[in-house]
Amino acid sequence: QVQVVESGGGLVQPGGSLRLSCVFSGSFFSFYVMGWYRQAPGAQRELVASIPGVGSTNYADSVKGRFTISRDNAKKTVYLQMNSLKPEDTATYYCKAYRSFGGDDLDYWGQGTQVTVSS
C-alpha cells in the first residue's frame, strides 16, 4: 500500500518562489523514482522533474535553472524548489512514485496542489 500527498502550493507573484513537498507512505521508498508533473487547464500533463533513489536528476527544458528537485530518503519526502516563477508555470502540480518490480509497473499519483503565478 503506497500513498503520496503533495503540499506547498499557493498564489505567488512573478519572480517569486515556492517549495512543494510530497510525502510518501509505504515501504521501499528509496527504490522508487519520484517525479513532479504539472497540468494546466486544457493541457496535457507534463513531466517537470524526476529523481531516482540514487543518481542524477532530470528537468524539463522550460524549468531548468529555475527549479530544483531533491529527496530525503530518511523522511520519505521529495521536494520541488521553484524559483523565478513565471505566469506560464501556473498549473496543478502532481507527485508520482514509480517502480518496476517483477514485471509489474507500480505507479502512484498524489491528489495535486495548485500553483498560481499572477500579479
PDB file of N, CA and C in Angstrom:
ATOM      1  N   GLN A   1       0.836  -1.174   0.000  1.00  0.00           N
ATOM      2  CA  GLN A   1       0.000   0.000   0.000  1.00  0.00           C
ATOM      3  C   GLN A   1       0.887   1.246   0.000  1.00  0.00           C
ATOM      4  N   VAL A   2       0.751   2.075  -1.033  1.00  0.00           N
ATOM      5  CA  VAL A   2       1.543   3.284  -1.191  1.00  0.00           C
ATOM      6  C   VAL A   2       0.608   4.467  -1.377  1.00  0.00           C
ATOM      7  N   GLN A   3       0.959   5.573  -0.753  1.00  0.00           N
ATOM      8  CA  GLN A   3       0.223   6.818  -0.912  1.00  0.00           C
ATOM      9  C   GLN A   3       1.228   7.970  -0.970  1.00  0.00           C
ATOM     10  N   VAL A   4       0.979   8.939  -1.841  1.00  0.00           N
ATOM     11  CA  VAL A   4       1.791  10.146  -1.902  1.00  0.00           C
ATOM     12  C   VAL A   4       0.863  11.345  -1.753  1.00  0.00           C
ATOM     13  N   VAL A   5       1.300  12.340  -0.991  1.00  0.00           N
ATOM     14  CA  VAL A   5       0.485  13.511  -0.691  1.00  0.00           C
ATOM     15  C   VAL A   5       1.324  14.762  -0.889  1.00  0.00           C
ATOM     16  N   GLU A   6       0.860  15.656  -1.776  1.00  0.00           N
ATOM     17  CA  GLU A   6       1.563  16.901  -2.054  1.00  0.00           C
ATOM     18  C   GLU A   6       1.062  18.029  -1.163  1.00  0.00           C
ATOM     19  N   SER A   7       1.914  19.022  -0.971  1.00  0.00           N
ATOM     20  CA  SER A   7       1.530  20.242  -0.277  1.00  0.00           C
ATOM     21  C   SER A   7       2.478  21.361  -0.696  1.00  0.00           C
ATOM     22  N   GLY A   8       2.126  22.596  -0.361  1.00  0.00           N
ATOM     23  CA  GLY A   8       3.009  23.726  -0.579  1.00  0.00           C
ATOM     24  C   GLY A   8       2.603  24.670  -1.686  1.00  0.00           C
ATOM     25  N   GLY A   9       1.554  24.357  -2.423  1.00  0.00           N
ATOM     26  CA  GLY A   9       1.110  25.237  -3.482  1.00  0.00           C
ATOM     27  C   GLY A   9       0.478  26.504  -2.938  1.00  0.00           C
ATOM     28  N   GLY A  10       0.225  27.444  -3.838  1.00  0.00           N
ATOM     29  CA  GLY A  10      -0.384  28.696  -3.446  1.00  0.00           C
ATOM     30  C   GLY A  10      -0.279  29.731  -4.534  1.00  0.00           C
ATOM     31  N   LEU A  11      -0.595  30.959  -4.174  1.00  0.00           N
ATOM     32  CA  LEU A  11      -0.535  32.103  -5.077  1.00  0.00           C
ATOM     33  C   LEU A  11       0.760  32.864  -4.844  1.00  0.00           C
ATOM     34  N   VAL A  12       1.477  33.151  -5.925  1.00  0.00           N
ATOM     35  CA  VAL A  12       2.743  33.865  -5.826  1.00  0.00           C
ATOM     36  C   VAL A  12       2.871  34.819  -7.013  1.00  0.00           C
ATOM     37  N   GLN A  13       3.561  35.934  -6.805  1.00  0.00           N
ATOM     38  CA  GLN A  13       3.788  36.892  -7.878  1.00  0.00           C
ATOM     39  C   GLN A  13       4.910  36.430  -8.800  1.00  0.00           C
ATOM     40  N   PRO A  14       4.903  36.876 -10.057  1.00  0.00           N
ATOM     41  CA  PRO A  14       6.017  36.545 -10.947  1.00  0.00           C
ATOM     42  C   PRO A  14       7.362  36.918 -10.326  1.00  0.00           C
ATOM     43  N   GLY A  15       8.330  36.031 -10.478  1.00  0.00           N
ATOM     44  CA  GLY A  15       9.634  36.213  -9.869  1.00  0.00           C
ATOM     45  C   GLY A  15       9.757  35.648  -8.476  1.00  0.00           C
ATOM     46  N   GLY A  16       8.657  35.233  -7.896  1.00  0.00           N
ATOM     47  CA  GLY A  16       8.666  34.687  -6.557  1.00  0.00           C
ATOM     48  C   GLY A  16       9.047  33.221  -6.517  1.00  0.00           C
ATOM     49  N   SER A  17       8.977  32.645  -5.315  1.00  0.00           N
ATOM     50  CA  SER A  17       9.394  31.265  -5.086  1.00  0.00           C
ATOM     51  C   SER A  17       8.366  30.499  -4.275  1.00  0.00           C
ATOM     52  N   LEU A  18       8.322  29.195  -4.498  1.00  0.00           N
ATOM     53  CA  LEU A  18       7.539  28.265  -3.703  1.00  0.00           C
ATOM     54  C   LEU A  18       8.324  26.968  -3.568  1.00  0.00           C
ATOM     55  N   ARG A  19       8.083  26.245  -2.490  1.00  0.00           N
ATOM     56  CA  ARG A  19       8.625  24.908  -2.334  1.00  0.00           C
ATOM     57  C   ARG A  19       7.490  23.921  -2.121  1.00  0.00           C
ATOM     58  N   LEU A  20       7.396  22.953  -3.014  1.00  0.00           N
ATOM     59  CA  LEU A  20       6.410  21.890  -2.901  1.00  0.00           C
ATOM     60  C   LEU A  20       7.021  20.689  -2.195  1.00  0.00           C
ATOM     61  N   SER A  21       6.200  19.996  -1.425  1.00  0.00           N
ATOM     62  CA  SER A  21       6.623  18.790  -0.734  1.00  0.00           C
ATOM     63  C   SER A  21       5.702  17.637  -1.101  1.00  0.00           C
ATOM     64  N   CYS A  22       6.256  16.443  -1.127  1.00  0.00           N
ATOM     65  CA  CYS A  22       5.489  15.225  -1.394  1.00  0.00           C
ATOM     66  C   CYS A  22       5.940  14.171  -0.404  1.00  0.00           C
ATOM     67  N   VAL A  23       5.029  13.736   0.447  1.00  0.00           N
ATOM     68  CA  VAL A  23       5.331  12.740   1.466  1.00  0.00           C
ATOM     69  C   VAL A  23       4.835  11.372   1.002  1.00  0.00           C
ATOM     70  N   PHE A  24       5.716  10.386   1.065  1.00  0.00           N
ATOM     71  CA  PHE A  24       5.453   9.019   0.629  1.00  0.00           C
ATOM     72  C   PHE A  24       5.134   8.166   1.844  1.00  0.00           C
ATOM     73  N   SER A  25       4.037   7.421   1.774  1.00  0.00           N
ATOM     74  CA  SER A  25       3.686   6.457   2.814  1.00  0.00           C
ATOM     75  C   SER A  25       3.744   5.062   2.223  1.00  0.00           C
ATOM     76  N   GLY A  26       4.495   4.181   2.857  1.00  0.00           N
ATOM     77  CA  GLY A  26       4.649   2.823   2.369  1.00  0.00           C
ATOM     78  C   GLY A  26       6.077   2.352   2.539  1.00  0.00           C
ATOM     79  N   SER A  27       6.397   1.242   1.889  1.00  0.00           N
ATOM     80  CA  SER A  27       7.705   0.619   2.013  1.00  0.00           C
ATOM     81  C   SER A  27       8.549   0.845   0.766  1.00  0.00           C
ATOM     82  N   PHE A  28       9.850   0.718   0.933  1.00  0.00           N
ATOM     83  CA  PHE A  28      10.818   0.735  -0.162  1.00  0.00           C
ATOM     84  C   PHE A  28      10.828   2.057  -0.924  1.00  0.00           C
ATOM     85  N   PHE A  29      10.731   3.162  -0.201  1.00  0.00           N
ATOM     86  CA  PHE A  29      10.731   4.482  -0.832  1.00  0.00           C
ATOM     87  C   PHE A  29      11.962   4.690  -1.706  1.00  0.00           C
ATOM     88  N   SER A  30      13.128   4.256  -1.242  1.00  0.00           N
ATOM     89  CA  SER A  30      14.362   4.506  -1.975  1.00  0.00           C
ATOM     90  C   SER A  30      14.419   3.773  -3.310  1.00  0.00           C
ATOM     91  N   PHE A  31      13.560   2.786  -3.525  1.00  0.00           N
ATOM     92  CA  PHE A  31      13.524   2.056  -4.793  1.00  0.00           C
ATOM     93  C   PHE A  31      12.664   2.760  -5.847  1.00  0.00           C
ATOM     94  N   TYR A  32      11.909   3.771  -5.446  1.00  0.00           N
ATOM     95  CA  TYR A  32      11.001   4.446  -6.362  1.00  0.00           C
ATOM     96  C   TYR A  32      11.665   5.646  -7.017  1.00  0.00           C
ATOM     97  N   VAL A  33      11.428   5.788  -8.305  1.00  0.00           N
ATOM     98  CA  VAL A  33      11.698   7.054  -8.971  1.00  0.00           C
ATOM     99  C   VAL A  33      10.559   8.010  -8.615  1.00  0.00           C
ATOM    100  N   MET A  34      10.912   9.193  -8.163  1.00  0.00           N
ATOM    101  CA  MET A  34       9.921  10.195  -7.808  1.00  0.00           C
ATOM    102  C   MET A  34       9.929  11.306  -8.850  1.00  0.00           C
ATOM    103  N   GLY A  35       8.749  11.745  -9.215  1.00  0.00           N
ATOM    104  CA  GLY A  35       8.643  12.784 -10.220  1.00  0.00           C
ATOM    105  C   GLY A  35       7.605  13.828  -9.874  1.00  0.00           C
ATOM    106  N   TRP A  36       7.820  15.030 -10.394  1.00  0.00           N
ATOM    107  CA  TRP A  36       6.834  16.095 -10.348  1.00  0.00           C
ATOM    108  C   TRP A  36       6.310  16.333 -11.759  1.00  0.00           C
ATOM    109  N   TYR A  37       5.003  16.391 -11.885  1.00  0.00           N
ATOM    110  CA  TYR A  37       4.325  16.684 -13.134  1.00  0.00           C
ATOM    111  C   TYR A  37       3.417  17.881 -12.918  1.00  0.00           C
ATOM    112  N   ARG A  38       3.012  18.514 -14.011  1.00  0.00           N
ATOM    113  CA  ARG A  38       2.053  19.597 -13.903  1.00  0.00           C
ATOM    114  C   ARG A  38       1.067  19.550 -15.054  1.00  0.00           C
ATOM    115  N   GLN A  39      -0.107  20.109 -14.806  1.00  0.00           N
ATOM    116  CA  GLN A  39      -1.160  20.134 -15.804  1.00  0.00           C
ATOM    117  C   GLN A  39      -1.891  21.464 -15.717  1.00  0.00           C
ATOM    118  N   ALA A  40      -1.810  22.235 -16.787  1.00  0.00           N
ATOM    119  CA  ALA A  40      -2.527  23.492 -16.895  1.00  0.00           C
ATOM    120  C   ALA A  40      -3.911  23.233 -17.476  1.00  0.00           C
ATOM    121  N   PRO A  41      -4.862  24.152 -17.261  1.00  0.00           N
ATOM    122  CA  PRO A  41      -6.207  23.963 -17.816  1.00  0.00           C
ATOM    123  C   PRO A  41      -6.177  23.749 -19.326  1.00  0.00           C
ATOM    124  N   GLY A  42      -6.846  22.705 -19.791  1.00  0.00           N
ATOM    125  CA  GLY A  42      -6.925  22.412 -21.210  1.00  0.00           C
ATOM    126  C   GLY A  42      -5.684  21.788 -21.815  1.00  0.00           C
ATOM    127  N   ALA A  43      -4.679  21.491 -21.004  1.00  0.00           N
ATOM    128  CA  ALA A  43      -3.419  20.944 -21.492  1.00  0.00           C
ATOM    129  C   ALA A  43      -3.200  19.527 -20.973  1.00  0.00           C
ATOM    130  N   GLN A  44      -2.250  18.841 -21.590  1.00  0.00           N
ATOM    131  CA  GLN A  44      -1.853  17.519 -21.141  1.00  0.00           C
ATOM    132  C   GLN A  44      -0.918  17.626 -19.941  1.00  0.00           C
ATOM    133  N   ARG A  45      -0.925  16.600 -19.126  1.00  0.00           N
ATOM    134  CA  ARG A  45       0.012  16.549 -18.017  1.00  0.00           C
ATOM    135  C   ARG A  45       1.427  16.341 -18.555  1.00  0.00           C
ATOM    136  N   GLU A  46       2.390  17.091 -18.014  1.00  0.00           N
ATOM    137  CA  GLU A  46       3.757  17.016 -18.490  1.00  0.00           C
ATOM    138  C   GLU A  46       4.728  16.826 -17.332  1.00  0.00           C
ATOM    139  N   LEU A  47       5.827  16.157 -17.624  1.00  0.00           N
ATOM    140  CA  LEU A  47       6.886  15.961 -16.642  1.00  0.00           C
ATOM    141  C   LEU A  47       7.622  17.270 -16.410  1.00  0.00           C
ATOM    142  N   VAL A  48       7.822  17.614 -15.142  1.00  0.00           N
ATOM    143  CA  VAL A  48       8.597  18.780 -14.755  1.00  0.00           C
ATOM    144  C   VAL A  48      10.003  18.380 -14.339  1.00  0.00           C
ATOM    145  N   ALA A  49      10.109  17.392 -13.454  1.00  0.00           N
ATOM    146  CA  ALA A  49      11.402  16.947 -12.948  1.00  0.00           C
ATOM    147  C   ALA A  49      11.250  15.562 -12.348  1.00  0.00           C
ATOM    148  N   SER A  50      12.337  14.803 -12.318  1.00  0.00           N
ATOM    149  CA  SER A  50      12.319  13.487 -11.691  1.00  0.00           C
ATOM    150  C   SER A  50      13.661  13.205 -11.040  1.00  0.00           C
ATOM    151  N   ILE A  51      13.629  12.276 -10.087  1.00  0.00           N
ATOM    152  CA  ILE A  51      14.841  11.924  -9.352  1.00  0.00           C
ATOM    153  C   ILE A  51      14.753  10.467  -8.908  1.00  0.00           C
ATOM    154  N   PRO A  52      15.782   9.662  -9.169  1.00  0.00           N
ATOM    155  CA  PRO A  52      15.790   8.282  -8.692  1.00  0.00           C
ATOM    156  C   PRO A  52      16.252   8.219  -7.240  1.00  0.00           C
ATOM    157  N   GLY A  53      16.249   7.025  -6.678  1.00  0.00           N
ATOM    158  CA  GLY A  53      16.722   6.862  -5.308  1.00  0.00           C
ATOM    159  C   GLY A  53      18.164   7.276  -5.149  1.00  0.00           C
ATOM    160  N   VAL A  54      18.978   6.886  -6.114  1.00  0.00           N
ATOM    161  CA  VAL A  54      20.378   7.282  -6.171  1.00  0.00           C
ATOM    162  C   VAL A  54      20.699   7.616  -7.622  1.00  0.00           C
ATOM    163  N   GLY A  55      21.251   8.778  -7.855  1.00  0.00           N
ATOM    164  CA  GLY A  55      21.629   9.143  -9.198  1.00  0.00           C
ATOM    165  C   GLY A  55      21.241  10.559  -9.561  1.00  0.00           C
ATOM    166  N   SER A  56      21.286  10.829 -10.843  1.00  0.00           N
ATOM    167  CA  SER A  56      21.099  12.179 -11.343  1.00  0.00           C
ATOM    168  C   SER A  56      19.633  12.527 -11.508  1.00  0.00           C
ATOM    169  N   THR A  57      19.374  13.824 -11.518  1.00  0.00           N
ATOM    170  CA  THR A  57      18.042  14.352 -11.737  1.00  0.00           C
ATOM    171  C   THR A  57      17.853  14.692 -13.205  1.00  0.00           C
ATOM    172  N   ASN A  58      16.606  14.900 -13.611  1.00  0.00           N
ATOM    173  CA  ASN A  58      16.341  15.427 -14.929  1.00  0.00           C
ATOM    174  C   ASN A  58      15.203  16.434 -14.851  1.00  0.00           C
ATOM    175  N   TYR A  59      15.222  17.397 -15.790  1.00  0.00           N
ATOM    176  CA  TYR A  59      14.283  18.509 -15.777  1.00  0.00           C
ATOM    177  C   TYR A  59      13.769  18.786 -17.178  1.00  0.00           C
ATOM    178  N   ALA A  60      12.546  19.276 -17.239  1.00  0.00           N
ATOM    179  CA  ALA A  60      12.057  19.837 -18.481  1.00  0.00           C
ATOM    180  C   ALA A  60      12.858  21.086 -18.823  1.00  0.00           C
ATOM    181  N   ASP A  61      13.070  21.315 -20.112  1.00  0.00           N
ATOM    182  CA  ASP A  61      13.846  22.479 -20.525  1.00  0.00           C
ATOM    183  C   ASP A  61      13.241  23.788 -20.023  1.00  0.00           C
ATOM    184  N   SER A  62      11.931  23.835 -19.906  1.00  0.00           N
ATOM    185  CA  SER A  62      11.257  25.058 -19.519  1.00  0.00           C
ATOM    186  C   SER A  62      11.525  25.471 -18.076  1.00  0.00           C
ATOM    187  N   VAL A  63      11.979  24.538 -17.238  1.00  0.00           N
ATOM    188  CA  VAL A  63      12.214  24.848 -15.831  1.00  0.00           C
ATOM    189  C   VAL A  63      13.674  24.722 -15.430  1.00  0.00           C
ATOM    190  N   LYS A  64      14.521  24.239 -16.317  1.00  0.00           N
ATOM    191  CA  LYS A  64      15.927  24.032 -15.996  1.00  0.00           C
ATOM    192  C   LYS A  64      16.582  25.348 -15.593  1.00  0.00           C
ATOM    193  N   GLY A  65      17.297  25.324 -14.482  1.00  0.00           N
ATOM    194  CA  GLY A  65      17.932  26.515 -13.959  1.00  0.00           C
ATOM    195  C   GLY A  65      17.075  27.293 -12.992  1.00  0.00           C
ATOM    196  N   ARG A  66      15.780  26.998 -12.943  1.00  0.00           N
ATOM    197  CA  ARG A  66      14.870  27.685 -12.033  1.00  0.00           C
ATOM    198  C   ARG A  66      14.323  26.763 -10.940  1.00  0.00           C
ATOM    199  N   PHE A  67      14.090  25.503 -11.290  1.00  0.00           N
ATOM    200  CA  PHE A  67      13.520  24.531 -10.352  1.00  0.00           C
ATOM    201  C   PHE A  67      14.589  23.533  -9.929  1.00  0.00           C
ATOM    202  N   THR A  68      14.469  23.032  -8.706  1.00  0.00           N
ATOM    203  CA  THR A  68      15.371  22.013  -8.196  1.00  0.00           C
ATOM    204  C   THR A  68      14.571  20.926  -7.492  1.00  0.00           C
ATOM    205  N   ILE A  69      14.760  19.681  -7.913  1.00  0.00           N
ATOM    206  CA  ILE A  69      14.125  18.551  -7.254  1.00  0.00           C
ATOM    207  C   ILE A  69      15.141  17.893  -6.322  1.00  0.00           C
ATOM    208  N   SER A  70      14.675  17.450  -5.166  1.00  0.00           N
ATOM    209  CA  SER A  70      15.532  16.765  -4.217  1.00  0.00           C
ATOM    210  C   SER A  70      14.700  15.762  -3.432  1.00  0.00           C
ATOM    211  N   ARG A  71      15.380  14.858  -2.737  1.00  0.00           N
ATOM    212  CA  ARG A  71      14.657  13.886  -1.919  1.00  0.00           C
ATOM    213  C   ARG A  71      15.425  13.598  -0.647  1.00  0.00           C
ATOM    214  N   ASP A  72      14.682  13.265   0.387  1.00  0.00           N
ATOM    215  CA  ASP A  72      15.229  12.866   1.667  1.00  0.00           C
ATOM    216  C   ASP A  72      14.683  11.475   1.945  1.00  0.00           C
ATOM    217  N   ASN A  73      15.503  10.456   1.732  1.00  0.00           N
ATOM    218  CA  ASN A  73      15.028   9.083   1.862  1.00  0.00           C
ATOM    219  C   ASN A  73      14.680   8.726   3.306  1.00  0.00           C
ATOM    220  N   ALA A  74      15.358   9.340   4.269  1.00  0.00           N
ATOM    221  CA  ALA A  74      15.039   9.092   5.667  1.00  0.00           C
ATOM    222  C   ALA A  74      13.653   9.604   6.018  1.00  0.00           C
ATOM    223  N   LYS A  75      13.260  10.731   5.429  1.00  0.00           N
ATOM    224  CA  LYS A  75      11.945  11.314   5.677  1.00  0.00           C
ATOM    225  C   LYS A  75      10.893  10.855   4.676  1.00  0.00           C
ATOM    226  N   LYS A  76      11.297  10.075   3.674  1.00  0.00           N
ATOM    227  CA  LYS A  76      10.394   9.622   2.618  1.00  0.00           C
ATOM    228  C   LYS A  76       9.670  10.802   1.978  1.00  0.00           C
ATOM    229  N   THR A  77      10.432  11.820   1.642  1.00  0.00           N
ATOM    230  CA  THR A  77       9.864  13.052   1.115  1.00  0.00           C
ATOM    231  C   THR A  77      10.667  13.530  -0.090  1.00  0.00           C
ATOM    232  N   VAL A  78       9.962  14.037  -1.081  1.00  0.00           N
ATOM    233  CA  VAL A  78      10.585  14.664  -2.238  1.00  0.00           C
ATOM    234  C   VAL A  78      10.117  16.112  -2.298  1.00  0.00           C
ATOM    235  N   TYR A  79      11.002  17.003  -2.748  1.00  0.00           N
ATOM    236  CA  TYR A  79      10.727  18.428  -2.778  1.00  0.00           C
ATOM    237  C   TYR A  79      10.905  18.972  -4.192  1.00  0.00           C
ATOM    238  N   LEU A  80      10.208  20.047  -4.471  1.00  0.00           N
ATOM    239  CA  LEU A  80      10.437  20.816  -5.686  1.00  0.00           C
ATOM    240  C   LEU A  80      10.557  22.280  -5.295  1.00  0.00           C
ATOM    241  N   GLN A  81      11.773  22.795  -5.336  1.00  0.00           N
ATOM    242  CA  GLN A  81      12.018  24.207  -5.084  1.00  0.00           C
ATOM    243  C   GLN A  81      11.852  24.963  -6.394  1.00  0.00           C
ATOM    244  N   MET A  82      10.939  25.911  -6.423  1.00  0.00           N
ATOM    245  CA  MET A  82      10.614  26.654  -7.626  1.00  0.00           C
ATOM    246  C   MET A  82      10.968  28.118  -7.412  1.00  0.00           C
ATOM    247  N   ASN A  83      11.920  28.613  -8.183  1.00  0.00           N
ATOM    248  CA  ASN A  83      12.359  29.998  -8.119  1.00  0.00           C
ATOM    249  C   ASN A  83      12.077  30.700  -9.441  1.00  0.00           C
ATOM    250  N   SER A  84      12.106  32.019  -9.396  1.00  0.00           N
ATOM    251  CA  SER A  84      11.886  32.831 -10.599  1.00  0.00           C
ATOM    252  C   SER A  84      10.633  32.400 -11.339  1.00  0.00           C
ATOM    253  N   LEU A  85       9.551  32.265 -10.609  1.00  0.00           N
ATOM    254  CA  LEU A  85       8.316  31.741 -11.183  1.00  0.00           C
ATOM    255  C   LEU A  85       7.734  32.687 -12.224  1.00  0.00           C
ATOM    256  N   LYS A  86       7.148  32.082 -13.248  1.00  0.00           N
ATOM    257  CA  LYS A  86       6.541  32.797 -14.357  1.00  0.00           C
ATOM    258  C   LYS A  86       5.056  32.461 -14.440  1.00  0.00           C
ATOM    259  N   PRO A  87       4.247  33.328 -15.043  1.00  0.00           N
ATOM    260  CA  PRO A  87       2.821  33.012 -15.192  1.00  0.00           C
ATOM    261  C   PRO A  87       2.573  31.673 -15.889  1.00  0.00           C
ATOM    262  N   GLU A  88       3.426  31.295 -16.834  1.00  0.00           N
ATOM    263  CA  GLU A  88       3.245  30.034 -17.532  1.00  0.00           C
ATOM    264  C   GLU A  88       3.530  28.808 -16.667  1.00  0.00           C
ATOM    265  N   ASP A  89       4.046  29.008 -15.461  1.00  0.00           N
ATOM    266  CA  ASP A  89       4.200  27.913 -14.511  1.00  0.00           C
ATOM    267  C   ASP A  89       2.896  27.580 -13.791  1.00  0.00           C
ATOM    268  N   THR A  90       1.871  28.390 -13.981  1.00  0.00           N
ATOM    269  CA  THR A  90       0.589  28.150 -13.338  1.00  0.00           C
ATOM    270  C   THR A  90       0.015  26.810 -13.780  1.00  0.00           C
ATOM    271  N   ALA A  91      -0.285  25.949 -12.822  1.00  0.00           N
ATOM    272  CA  ALA A  91      -0.787  24.607 -13.112  1.00  0.00           C
ATOM    273  C   ALA A  91      -1.085  23.901 -11.801  1.00  0.00           C
ATOM    274  N   THR A  92      -1.737  22.750 -11.921  1.00  0.00           N
ATOM    275  CA  THR A  92      -1.814  21.826 -10.807  1.00  0.00           C
ATOM    276  C   THR A  92      -0.590  20.921 -10.863  1.00  0.00           C
ATOM    277  N   TYR A  93       0.131  20.831  -9.768  1.00  0.00           N
ATOM    278  CA  TYR A  93       1.356  20.042  -9.701  1.00  0.00           C
ATOM    279  C   TYR A  93       1.087  18.733  -8.978  1.00  0.00           C
ATOM    280  N   TYR A  94       1.534  17.635  -9.590  1.00  0.00           N
ATOM    281  CA  TYR A  94       1.298  16.297  -9.073  1.00  0.00           C
ATOM    282  C   TYR A  94       2.612  15.589  -8.782  1.00  0.00           C
ATOM    283  N   CYS A  95       2.628  14.843  -7.716  1.00  0.00           N
ATOM    284  CA  CYS A  95       3.748  13.988  -7.370  1.00  0.00           C
ATOM    285  C   CYS A  95       3.448  12.560  -7.829  1.00  0.00           C
ATOM    286  N   LYS A  96       4.447  11.877  -8.374  1.00  0.00           N
ATOM    287  CA  LYS A  96       4.296  10.483  -8.785  1.00  0.00           C
ATOM    288  C   LYS A  96       5.446   9.634  -8.259  1.00  0.00           C
ATOM    289  N   ALA A  97       5.105   8.463  -7.763  1.00  0.00           N
ATOM    290  CA  ALA A  97       6.081   7.447  -7.390  1.00  0.00           C
ATOM    291  C   ALA A  97       5.991   6.310  -8.391  1.00  0.00           C
ATOM    292  N   TYR A  98       7.134   5.880  -8.938  1.00  0.00           N
ATOM    293  CA  TYR A  98       7.157   4.842  -9.965  1.00  0.00           C
ATOM    294  C   TYR A  98       8.204   3.793  -9.633  1.00  0.00           C
ATOM    295  N   ARG A  99       7.825   2.531  -9.845  1.00  0.00           N
ATOM    296  CA  ARG A  99       8.751   1.424  -9.630  1.00  0.00           C
ATOM    297  C   ARG A  99       8.356   0.242 -10.499  1.00  0.00           C
ATOM    298  N   SER A 100       9.337  -0.406 -11.102  1.00  0.00           N
ATOM    299  CA  SER A 100       9.135  -1.661 -11.813  1.00  0.00           C
ATOM    300  C   SER A 100       9.592  -2.804 -10.918  1.00  0.00           C
ATOM    301  N   PHE A 101       8.738  -3.800 -10.757  1.00  0.00           N
ATOM    302  CA  PHE A 101       9.051  -4.906  -9.873  1.00  0.00           C
ATOM    303  C   PHE A 101       8.385  -6.177 -10.374  1.00  0.00           C
ATOM    304  N   GLY A 102       9.188  -7.208 -10.623  1.00  0.00           N
ATOM    305  CA  GLY A 102       8.660  -8.495 -11.023  1.00  0.00           C
ATOM    306  C   GLY A 102       7.803  -8.457 -12.274  1.00  0.00           C
ATOM    307  N   GLY A 103       8.132  -7.581 -13.200  1.00  0.00           N
ATOM    308  CA  GLY A 103       7.373  -7.445 -14.428  1.00  0.00           C
ATOM    309  C   GLY A 103       6.180  -6.523 -14.328  1.00  0.00           C
ATOM    310  N   ASP A 104       5.898  -6.019 -13.148  1.00  0.00           N
ATOM    311  CA  ASP A 104       4.785  -5.093 -12.942  1.00  0.00           C
ATOM    312  C   ASP A 104       5.291  -3.665 -12.832  1.00  0.00           C
ATOM    313  N   ASP A 105       4.534  -2.743 -13.393  1.00  0.00           N
ATOM    314  CA  ASP A 105       4.813  -1.319 -13.268  1.00  0.00           C
ATOM    315  C   ASP A 105       3.923  -0.758 -12.174  1.00  0.00           C
ATOM    316  N   LEU A 106       4.548  -0.281 -11.113  1.00  0.00           N
ATOM    317  CA  LEU A 106       3.829   0.300  -9.990  1.00  0.00           C
ATOM    318  C   LEU A 106       3.892   1.815 -10.102  1.00  0.00           C
ATOM    319  N   ASP A 107       2.742   2.450 -10.106  1.00  0.00           N
ATOM    320  CA  ASP A 107       2.632   3.872 -10.401  1.00  0.00           C
ATOM    321  C   ASP A 107       1.596   4.480  -9.458  1.00  0.00           C
ATOM    322  N   TYR A 108       2.015   5.455  -8.655  1.00  0.00           N
ATOM    323  CA  TYR A 108       1.132   6.058  -7.663  1.00  0.00           C
ATOM    324  C   TYR A 108       1.172   7.572  -7.795  1.00  0.00           C
ATOM    325  N   TRP A 109      -0.003   8.180  -7.855  1.00  0.00           N
ATOM    326  CA  TRP A 109      -0.148   9.617  -8.035  1.00  0.00           C
ATOM    327  C   TRP A 109      -0.736  10.274  -6.799  1.00  0.00           C
ATOM    328  N   GLY A 110      -0.271  11.480  -6.523  1.00  0.00           N
ATOM    329  CA  GLY A 110      -0.889  12.291  -5.496  1.00  0.00           C
ATOM    330  C   GLY A 110      -2.116  13.008  -6.020  1.00  0.00           C
ATOM    331  N   GLN A 111      -2.777  13.749  -5.139  1.00  0.00           N
ATOM    332  CA  GLN A 111      -4.023  14.420  -5.495  1.00  0.00           C
ATOM    333  C   GLN A 111      -3.807  15.758  -6.192  1.00  0.00           C
ATOM    334  N   GLY A 112      -2.604  16.296  -6.127  1.00  0.00           N
ATOM    335  CA  GLY A 112      -2.276  17.551  -6.763  1.00  0.00           C
ATOM    336  C   GLY A 112      -2.335  18.733  -5.816  1.00  0.00           C
ATOM    337  N   THR A 113      -1.522  19.744  -6.119  1.00  0.00           N
ATOM    338  CA  THR A 113      -1.549  21.003  -5.386  1.00  0.00           C
ATOM    339  C   THR A 113      -1.457  22.146  -6.394  1.00  0.00           C
ATOM    340  N   GLN A 114      -2.273  23.164  -6.202  1.00  0.00           N
ATOM    341  CA  GLN A 114      -2.400  24.242  -7.178  1.00  0.00           C
ATOM    342  C   GLN A 114      -1.318  25.295  -6.976  1.00  0.00           C
ATOM    343  N   VAL A 115      -0.668  25.666  -8.074  1.00  0.00           N
ATOM    344  CA  VAL A 115       0.292  26.765  -8.100  1.00  0.00           C
ATOM    345  C   VAL A 115      -0.218  27.812  -9.076  1.00  0.00           C
ATOM    346  N   THR A 116      -0.400  29.028  -8.598  1.00  0.00           N
ATOM    347  CA  THR A 116      -0.850  30.132  -9.435  1.00  0.00           C
ATOM    348  C   THR A 116       0.161  31.262  -9.356  1.00  0.00           C
ATOM    349  N   VAL A 117       0.676  31.678 -10.511  1.00  0.00           N
ATOM    350  CA  VAL A 117       1.655  32.759 -10.601  1.00  0.00           C
ATOM    351  C   VAL A 117       0.981  33.924 -11.314  1.00  0.00           C
ATOM    352  N   SER A 118       0.726  34.984 -10.581  1.00  0.00           N
ATOM    353  CA  SER A 118      -0.022  36.104 -11.127  1.00  0.00           C
ATOM    354  C   SER A 118       0.292  37.368 -10.344  1.00  0.00           C
ATOM    355  N   SER A 119       0.290  38.491 -11.050  1.00  0.00           N
ATOM    356  CA  SER A 119       0.455  39.780 -10.408  1.00  0.00           C
ATOM    357  C   SER A 119      -0.886  40.440 -10.135  1.00  0.00           C
TER     358      SER A 119
END
